[in-house]
Amino acid sequence: MERNEQKQKNPWDGEPDELDFLTLVGLPAAVRRPNELKHLCGYVQVPVGHPFHGAGYDDCQPPCSVHGGLTYADPLRYKDGWWLGFDCGHAGDLSPGYLDHPHLSRLAHSGTYRTIAYVRQECEELALQIASHPPWLEGRTKEEILLIIQAAKTILKMERWSDARVLKRLLVGEER
């Protein structure tokens, strides 16, 4: 095999630029690679009537814990509704687009690339936080709350989830 054939694939090679899915708690979610920097962003649709619907990302209280914090609160292009989102273009993140710029390429080698699987899990965790927001829970049926608890248990089993804050809050009402 020649050297050119042995070229190492990057983690973003073969990943789609868009992914739409339904989260475990039933909220629509989307992953997008929106610009020339080529890092991924994640979004979750906020239900109508939810306290976060129409709110700015800095106005969501308690704040949602997601990679880099919330950086988006607006309608999503080509999608109905209100969406909260985050991006993976922060310090410590690798934005593949930097590799194409001669003066910025050194920045790309100092961070970690956040894969589509990582961003999808962050969307699951954001959706769970939206669905388990205390004022929103007050109007839910027993079946809806059981679905949220089951989703929390599933997310806790995922490899990257490191603590049980959301499940504790759901089951025993602890504050974050």
C-alpha atoms as a PDB file:
ATOM      1  CA  MET A   1       0.000   0.000   0.000  1.00  0.00           C
ATOM      2  CA  GLU A   2       1.411   3.409  -0.936  1.00  0.00           C
ATOM      3  CA  ARG A   3       1.666   6.300   1.514  1.00  0.00           C
ATOM      4  CA  ASN A   4      -1.124   8.250  -0.206  1.00  0.00           C
ATOM      5  CA  GLU A   5      -3.465   5.301   0.284  1.00  0.00           C
ATOM      6  CA  GLN A   6      -2.638   5.185   3.991  1.00  0.00           C
ATOM      7  CA  LYS A   7      -3.943   8.703   4.600  1.00  0.00           C
ATOM      8  CA  GLN A   8      -5.523   8.787   8.044  1.00  0.00           C
ATOM      9  CA  LYS A   9      -9.222   9.642   8.101  1.00  0.00           C
ATOM     10  CA  ASN A  10     -10.370  12.480  10.305  1.00  0.00           C
ATOM     11  CA  PRO A  11     -13.271  11.889  12.701  1.00  0.00           C
ATOM     12  CA  TRP A  12     -15.438  14.343  10.708  1.00  0.00           C
ATOM     13  CA  ASP A  13     -14.852  12.537   7.403  1.00  0.00           C
ATOM     14  CA  GLY A  14     -18.076  10.820   6.474  1.00  0.00           C
ATOM     15  CA  GLU A  15     -20.192  12.600   9.083  1.00  0.00           C
ATOM     16  CA  PRO A  16     -23.338  14.245   7.718  1.00  0.00           C
ATOM     17  CA  ASP A  17     -23.637  18.040   7.904  1.00  0.00           C
ATOM     18  CA  GLU A  18     -27.225  17.689   9.156  1.00  0.00           C
ATOM     19  CA  LEU A  19     -29.072  15.231  11.373  1.00  0.00           C
ATOM     20  CA  ASP A  20     -32.688  15.497  12.554  1.00  0.00           C
ATOM     21  CA  PHE A  21     -34.021  13.151  15.232  1.00  0.00           C
ATOM     22  CA  LEU A  22     -36.573  12.776  18.017  1.00  0.00           C
ATOM     23  CA  THR A  23     -35.027  12.755  21.499  1.00  0.00           C
ATOM     24  CA  LEU A  24     -35.835  10.140  24.121  1.00  0.00           C
ATOM     25  CA  VAL A  25     -38.236  12.587  25.813  1.00  0.00           C
ATOM     26  CA  GLY A  26     -40.031  13.213  22.515  1.00  0.00           C
ATOM     27  CA  LEU A  27     -38.633  16.651  21.626  1.00  0.00           C
ATOM     28  CA  PRO A  28     -37.344  17.263  18.092  1.00  0.00           C
ATOM     29  CA  ALA A  29     -33.594  17.848  17.850  1.00  0.00           C
ATOM     30  CA  ALA A  30     -31.152  18.787  15.102  1.00  0.00           C
ATOM     31  CA  VAL A  31     -27.396  18.726  14.571  1.00  0.00           C
ATOM     32  CA  ARG A  32     -25.943  21.142  12.017  1.00  0.00           C
ATOM     33  CA  ARG A  33     -22.515  22.024  10.632  1.00  0.00           C
ATOM     34  CA  PRO A  34     -23.466  25.628   9.871  1.00  0.00           C
ATOM     35  CA  ASN A  35     -20.402  27.385   8.502  1.00  0.00           C
ATOM     36  CA  GLU A  36     -16.914  27.253   7.030  1.00  0.00           C
ATOM     37  CA  LEU A  37     -15.362  26.482  10.438  1.00  0.00           C
ATOM     38  CA  LYS A  38     -17.028  23.060  10.128  1.00  0.00           C
ATOM     39  CA  HIS A  39     -17.697  22.433  13.829  1.00  0.00           C
ATOM     40  CA  LEU A  40     -21.064  20.992  14.845  1.00  0.00           C
ATOM     41  CA  CYS A  41     -23.939  22.701  16.651  1.00  0.00           C
ATOM     42  CA  GLY A  42     -26.868  21.067  18.435  1.00  0.00           C
ATOM     43  CA  TYR A  43     -30.446  22.285  18.817  1.00  0.00           C
ATOM     44  CA  VAL A  44     -33.602  21.137  20.646  1.00  0.00           C
ATOM     45  CA  GLN A  45     -37.104  22.437  19.977  1.00  0.00           C
ATOM     46  CA  VAL A  46     -38.850  23.973  22.996  1.00  0.00           C
ATOM     47  CA  PRO A  47     -42.563  23.096  23.310  1.00  0.00           C
ATOM     48  CA  VAL A  48     -45.145  25.895  23.026  1.00  0.00           C
ATOM     49  CA  GLY A  49     -46.210  26.903  26.539  1.00  0.00           C
ATOM     50  CA  HIS A  50     -42.856  25.974  28.109  1.00  0.00           C
ATOM     51  CA  PRO A  51     -41.234  28.792  30.164  1.00  0.00           C
ATOM     52  CA  PHE A  52     -38.189  28.690  27.805  1.00  0.00           C
ATOM     53  CA  HIS A  53     -40.325  29.103  24.654  1.00  0.00           C
ATOM     54  CA  GLY A  54     -39.470  32.544  23.250  1.00  0.00           C
ATOM     55  CA  ALA A  55     -36.825  33.212  25.914  1.00  0.00           C
ATOM     56  CA  GLY A  56     -33.276  34.256  25.124  1.00  0.00           C
ATOM     57  CA  TYR A  57     -30.597  31.705  25.925  1.00  0.00           C
ATOM     58  CA  ASP A  58     -29.342  33.834  28.827  1.00  0.00           C
ATOM     59  CA  ASP A  59     -32.895  34.098  30.194  1.00  0.00           C
ATOM     60  CA  CYS A  60     -33.429  30.345  30.740  1.00  0.00           C
ATOM     61  CA  GLN A  61     -33.515  29.826  34.509  1.00  0.00           C
ATOM     62  CA  PRO A  62     -32.212  27.651  35.919  1.00  0.00           C
ATOM     63  CA  PRO A  63     -29.611  27.679  33.144  1.00  0.00           C
ATOM     64  CA  CYS A  64     -29.259  24.543  31.047  1.00  0.00           C
ATOM     65  CA  SER A  65     -26.016  22.634  31.399  1.00  0.00           C
ATOM     66  CA  VAL A  66     -24.769  21.822  27.902  1.00  0.00           C
ATOM     67  CA  HIS A  67     -21.400  21.861  26.108  1.00  0.00           C
ATOM     68  CA  GLY A  68     -20.099  25.449  26.181  1.00  0.00           C
ATOM     69  CA  GLY A  69     -23.436  26.732  27.507  1.00  0.00           C
ATOM     70  CA  LEU A  70     -26.437  27.793  25.465  1.00  0.00           C
ATOM     71  CA  THR A  71     -25.490  30.020  22.530  1.00  0.00           C
ATOM     72  CA  TYR A  72     -28.705  29.974  20.481  1.00  0.00           C
ATOM     73  CA  ALA A  73     -32.382  30.769  21.104  1.00  0.00           C
ATOM     74  CA  ASP A  74     -34.420  31.455  17.980  1.00  0.00           C
ATOM     75  CA  PRO A  75     -36.382  29.724  15.233  1.00  0.00           C
ATOM     76  CA  LEU A  76     -34.157  27.258  13.378  1.00  0.00           C
ATOM     77  CA  ARG A  77     -33.736  27.691   9.632  1.00  0.00           C
ATOM     78  CA  TYR A  78     -36.319  25.619   7.734  1.00  0.00           C
ATOM     79  CA  LYS A  79     -37.890  24.445  11.010  1.00  0.00           C
ATOM     80  CA  ASP A  80     -40.987  25.587  12.869  1.00  0.00           C
ATOM     81  CA  GLY A  81     -40.976  26.529  16.535  1.00  0.00           C
ATOM     82  CA  TRP A  82     -38.513  27.901  19.074  1.00  0.00           C
ATOM     83  CA  TRP A  83     -35.135  26.210  19.456  1.00  0.00           C
ATOM     84  CA  LEU A  84     -32.367  26.316  22.047  1.00  0.00           C
ATOM     85  CA  GLY A  85     -28.872  25.399  20.935  1.00  0.00           C
ATOM     86  CA  PHE A  86     -25.166  25.235  21.570  1.00  0.00           C
ATOM     87  CA  ASP A  87     -22.040  25.091  19.458  1.00  0.00           C
ATOM     88  CA  CYS A  88     -18.785  23.149  19.533  1.00  0.00           C
ATOM     89  CA  GLY A  89     -16.575  26.017  18.409  1.00  0.00           C
ATOM     90  CA  HIS A  90     -15.260  27.122  21.817  1.00  0.00           C
ATOM     91  CA  ALA A  91     -11.728  27.297  23.171  1.00  0.00           C
ATOM     92  CA  GLY A  92     -10.614  23.698  23.562  1.00  0.00           C
ATOM     93  CA  ASP A  93     -12.793  22.545  20.640  1.00  0.00           C
ATOM     94  CA  LEU A  94     -11.297  21.626  17.289  1.00  0.00           C
ATOM     95  CA  SER A  95     -13.009  23.387  14.382  1.00  0.00           C
ATOM     96  CA  PRO A  96     -11.923  21.469  11.245  1.00  0.00           C
ATOM     97  CA  GLY A  97     -12.244  24.583   9.083  1.00  0.00           C
ATOM     98  CA  TYR A  98      -9.191  26.041  10.816  1.00  0.00           C
ATOM     99  CA  LEU A  99      -7.086  23.356   9.127  1.00  0.00           C
ATOM    100  CA  ASP A 100      -7.765  25.066   5.778  1.00  0.00           C
ATOM    101  CA  HIS A 101      -6.392  28.445   6.944  1.00  0.00           C
ATOM    102  CA  PRO A 102      -2.581  28.701   6.990  1.00  0.00           C
ATOM    103  CA  HIS A 103      -2.504  31.255   9.832  1.00  0.00           C
ATOM    104  CA  LEU A 104      -5.109  29.509  11.984  1.00  0.00           C
ATOM    105  CA  SER A 105      -4.245  25.842  11.485  1.00  0.00           C
ATOM    106  CA  ARG A 106      -2.203  25.710  14.709  1.00  0.00           C
ATOM    107  CA  LEU A 107      -5.438  26.440  16.631  1.00  0.00           C
ATOM    108  CA  ALA A 108      -7.073  23.356  15.142  1.00  0.00           C
ATOM    109  CA  HIS A 109      -4.441  21.033  16.568  1.00  0.00           C
ATOM    110  CA  SER A 110      -4.878  22.213  20.151  1.00  0.00           C
ATOM    111  CA  GLY A 111      -8.500  21.187  20.623  1.00  0.00           C
ATOM    112  CA  THR A 112     -10.802  18.184  20.711  1.00  0.00           C
ATOM    113  CA  TYR A 113     -13.172  17.502  17.848  1.00  0.00           C
ATOM    114  CA  ARG A 114     -16.759  16.998  19.072  1.00  0.00           C
ATOM    115  CA  THR A 115     -18.279  14.217  16.949  1.00  0.00           C
ATOM    116  CA  ILE A 116     -21.858  13.933  15.790  1.00  0.00           C
ATOM    117  CA  ALA A 117     -22.386  11.214  18.433  1.00  0.00           C
ATOM    118  CA  TYR A 118     -21.157  13.614  21.131  1.00  0.00           C
ATOM    119  CA  VAL A 119     -23.424  16.427  19.901  1.00  0.00           C
ATOM    120  CA  ARG A 120     -26.400  14.077  19.672  1.00  0.00           C
ATOM    121  CA  GLN A 121     -25.913  13.045  23.312  1.00  0.00           C
ATOM    122  CA  GLU A 122     -25.628  16.692  24.368  1.00  0.00           C
ATOM    123  CA  CYS A 123     -28.969  17.279  22.580  1.00  0.00           C
ATOM    124  CA  GLU A 124     -30.478  14.373  24.551  1.00  0.00           C
ATOM    125  CA  GLU A 125     -29.266  15.923  27.799  1.00  0.00           C
ATOM    126  CA  LEU A 126     -30.563  19.373  26.813  1.00  0.00           C
ATOM    127  CA  ALA A 127     -33.952  17.883  25.883  1.00  0.00           C
ATOM    128  CA  LEU A 128     -34.123  16.137  29.251  1.00  0.00           C
ATOM    129  CA  GLN A 129     -33.392  19.421  31.047  1.00  0.00           C
ATOM    130  CA  ILE A 130     -36.102  21.191  29.056  1.00  0.00           C
ATOM    131  CA  ALA A 131     -38.627  18.400  29.686  1.00  0.00           C
ATOM    132  CA  SER A 132     -37.820  18.157  33.406  1.00  0.00           C
ATOM    133  CA  HIS A 133     -37.997  21.902  34.105  1.00  0.00           C
ATOM    134  CA  PRO A 134     -40.110  22.096  37.315  1.00  0.00           C
ATOM    135  CA  PRO A 135     -42.834  24.550  36.136  1.00  0.00           C
ATOM    136  CA  TRP A 136     -43.253  22.496  32.955  1.00  0.00           C
ATOM    137  CA  LEU A 137     -43.567  19.242  34.911  1.00  0.00           C
ATOM    138  CA  GLU A 138     -46.523  20.562  36.945  1.00  0.00           C
ATOM    139  CA  GLY A 139     -48.878  20.271  33.985  1.00  0.00           C
ATOM    140  CA  ARG A 140     -47.675  16.842  32.751  1.00  0.00           C
ATOM    141  CA  THR A 141     -49.601  13.624  32.956  1.00  0.00           C
ATOM    142  CA  LYS A 142     -48.298  10.612  34.874  1.00  0.00           C
ATOM    143  CA  GLU A 143     -47.447   8.914  31.557  1.00  0.00           C
ATOM    144  CA  GLU A 144     -45.446  11.933  30.365  1.00  0.00           C
ATOM    145  CA  ILE A 145     -43.492  12.071  33.623  1.00  0.00           C
ATOM    146  CA  LEU A 146     -42.767   8.332  33.436  1.00  0.00           C
ATOM    147  CA  LEU A 147     -41.434   8.837  29.903  1.00  0.00           C
ATOM    148  CA  ILE A 148     -39.139  11.606  31.160  1.00  0.00           C
ATOM    149  CA  ILE A 149     -37.869   9.420  34.030  1.00  0.00           C
ATOM    150  CA  GLN A 150     -37.253   6.501  31.647  1.00  0.00           C
ATOM    151  CA  ALA A 151     -35.339   8.821  29.298  1.00  0.00           C
ATOM    152  CA  ALA A 152     -33.254  10.063  32.246  1.00  0.00           C
ATOM    153  CA  LYS A 153     -32.368   6.503  33.211  1.00  0.00           C
ATOM    154  CA  THR A 154     -31.363   5.715  29.616  1.00  0.00           C
ATOM    155  CA  ILE A 155     -29.222   8.853  29.348  1.00  0.00           C
ATOM    156  CA  LEU A 156     -27.517   7.999  32.643  1.00  0.00           C
ATOM    157  CA  LYS A 157     -26.419   4.681  31.108  1.00  0.00           C
ATOM    158  CA  MET A 158     -24.763   6.445  28.164  1.00  0.00           C
ATOM    159  CA  GLU A 159     -20.995   6.411  28.297  1.00  0.00           C
ATOM    160  CA  ARG A 160     -20.374  10.158  28.570  1.00  0.00           C
ATOM    161  CA  TRP A 161     -22.965  11.054  31.211  1.00  0.00           C
ATOM    162  CA  SER A 162     -20.987  11.519  34.412  1.00  0.00           C
ATOM    163  CA  ASP A 163     -23.453  12.483  37.110  1.00  0.00           C
ATOM    164  CA  ALA A 164     -27.048  12.037  38.157  1.00  0.00           C
ATOM    165  CA  ARG A 165     -28.177  15.661  38.736  1.00  0.00           C
ATOM    166  CA  VAL A 166     -31.161  15.588  36.422  1.00  0.00           C
ATOM    167  CA  LEU A 167     -32.406  12.192  37.618  1.00  0.00           C
ATOM    168  CA  LYS A 168     -31.982  13.235  41.258  1.00  0.00           C
ATOM    169  CA  ARG A 169     -33.987  16.386  40.596  1.00  0.00           C
ATOM    170  CA  LEU A 170     -36.722  14.344  38.931  1.00  0.00           C
ATOM    171  CA  LEU A 171     -36.930  11.648  41.576  1.00  0.00           C
ATOM    172  CA  VAL A 172     -36.332  13.557  44.812  1.00  0.00           C
ATOM    173  CA  GLY A 173     -36.678  17.204  43.854  1.00  0.00           C
ATOM    174  CA  GLU A 174     -33.072  18.187  44.583  1.00  0.00           C
ATOM    175  CA  GLU A 175     -31.859  21.523  43.255  1.00  0.00           C
ATOM    176  CA  ARG A 176     -29.013  21.604  40.760  1.00  0.00           C
END
